[in-house]
Amino acid sequence: MTELSTIAFLGTLGTQEMVIIFLIVLLLFGAKKLPQLARGVGKSMGEFKKAKEEFEHEISRAEEEATKPSKESSPRKEEAS
């Protein structure tokens, strides 16, 4: 319950909050590290998006297989030898 009230207290981030966060990050990491940090964040976001799409594809494929009637469940006629 405490976490929920803390998150609700934050609300949405406005322009001023974003500028303050950017300045704090700039002070902590320095101007030389920011491009590397941004590249790393961009790559990780891309990897996350790719993994999410693969997961959704696997789920939809599994759903299709589950709803599709299987060929093995239908009775077969055995040939006489």
Protein backbone atom coordinates (compact mmCIF):
# COMPACT_ATOMS: atom_id res chain seq x y z
CA MET A 1 0.00 0.00 0.00
CA THR A 2 2.87 2.36 0.76
CA GLU A 3 4.42 1.81 -2.68
CA LEU A 4 1.14 2.58 -4.41
CA SER A 5 0.70 5.85 -2.54
CA THR A 6 4.31 6.80 -3.35
CA ILE A 7 3.80 6.10 -7.05
CA ALA A 8 0.49 7.97 -7.06
CA PHE A 9 2.23 10.89 -5.36
CA LEU A 10 4.76 11.17 -8.22
CA GLY A 11 2.11 11.59 -10.92
CA THR A 12 3.26 12.54 -14.39
CA LEU A 13 6.57 14.20 -15.13
CA GLY A 14 6.40 17.70 -16.55
CA THR A 15 9.01 19.74 -18.39
CA GLN A 16 10.55 21.18 -15.24
CA GLU A 17 10.94 17.75 -13.66
CA MET A 18 12.53 16.37 -16.81
CA VAL A 19 15.03 19.25 -16.92
CA ILE A 20 15.93 18.73 -13.27
CA ILE A 21 16.43 14.99 -13.81
CA PHE A 22 18.59 15.70 -16.87
CA LEU A 23 20.75 18.15 -14.90
CA ILE A 24 21.20 15.65 -12.07
CA VAL A 25 22.21 12.93 -14.55
CA LEU A 26 24.59 15.39 -16.23
CA LEU A 27 26.22 16.18 -12.89
CA LEU A 28 26.48 12.52 -11.89
CA PHE A 29 27.84 11.10 -15.16
CA GLY A 30 29.44 14.08 -16.86
CA ALA A 31 29.07 15.33 -20.41
CA LYS A 32 31.44 12.73 -21.88
CA LYS A 33 29.48 9.76 -20.53
CA LEU A 34 26.01 10.95 -21.60
CA PRO A 35 26.25 9.80 -25.25
CA GLN A 36 27.44 6.37 -24.11
CA LEU A 37 24.66 6.21 -21.54
CA ALA A 38 22.06 7.23 -24.13
CA ARG A 39 23.38 4.62 -26.60
CA GLY A 40 23.15 1.94 -23.92
CA VAL A 41 19.60 2.93 -23.01
CA GLY A 42 18.61 2.95 -26.69
CA LYS A 43 20.11 -0.49 -27.31
CA SER A 44 18.45 -1.95 -24.25
CA MET A 45 15.09 -0.49 -25.27
CA GLY A 46 15.52 -2.01 -28.74
CA GLU A 47 16.37 -5.41 -27.27
CA PHE A 48 13.40 -5.20 -24.92
CA LYS A 49 11.08 -4.35 -27.82
CA LYS A 50 12.48 -7.23 -29.88
CA ALA A 51 12.04 -9.69 -27.00
CA LYS A 52 8.49 -8.44 -26.40
CA GLU A 53 7.58 -8.93 -30.07
CA GLU A 54 9.08 -12.44 -30.09
CA PHE A 55 7.16 -13.32 -26.93
CA GLU A 56 3.89 -12.03 -28.40
CA HIS A 57 4.56 -14.00 -31.59
CA GLU A 58 5.16 -17.19 -29.61
CA ILE A 59 1.98 -16.67 -27.59
CA SER A 60 -0.14 -16.08 -30.69
CA ARG A 61 1.43 -19.10 -32.41
CA ALA A 62 0.70 -21.27 -29.38
CA GLU A 63 -2.89 -19.98 -29.30
CA GLU A 64 -3.34 -20.85 -32.97
CA GLU A 65 -1.96 -24.34 -32.42
CA ALA A 66 -4.21 -24.88 -29.42
CA THR A 67 -7.35 -23.82 -31.27
CA LYS A 68 -6.50 -25.69 -34.48
CA PRO A 69 -7.93 -29.23 -34.49
CA SER A 70 -5.10 -31.73 -34.62
CA LYS A 71 -4.87 -34.28 -37.41
CA GLU A 72 -3.95 -37.07 -35.01
CA SER A 73 -7.22 -36.82 -33.07
CA SER A 74 -9.28 -37.85 -36.10
CA PRO A 75 -9.84 -41.62 -36.44
CA ARG A 76 -7.71 -43.39 -39.03
CA LYS A 77 -8.65 -46.29 -41.19
CA GLU A 78 -6.13 -49.10 -41.06
CA GLU A 79 -5.31 -50.88 -44.26
CA ALA A 80 -5.82 -54.62 -44.37
CA SER A 81 -2.63 -56.62 -45.01
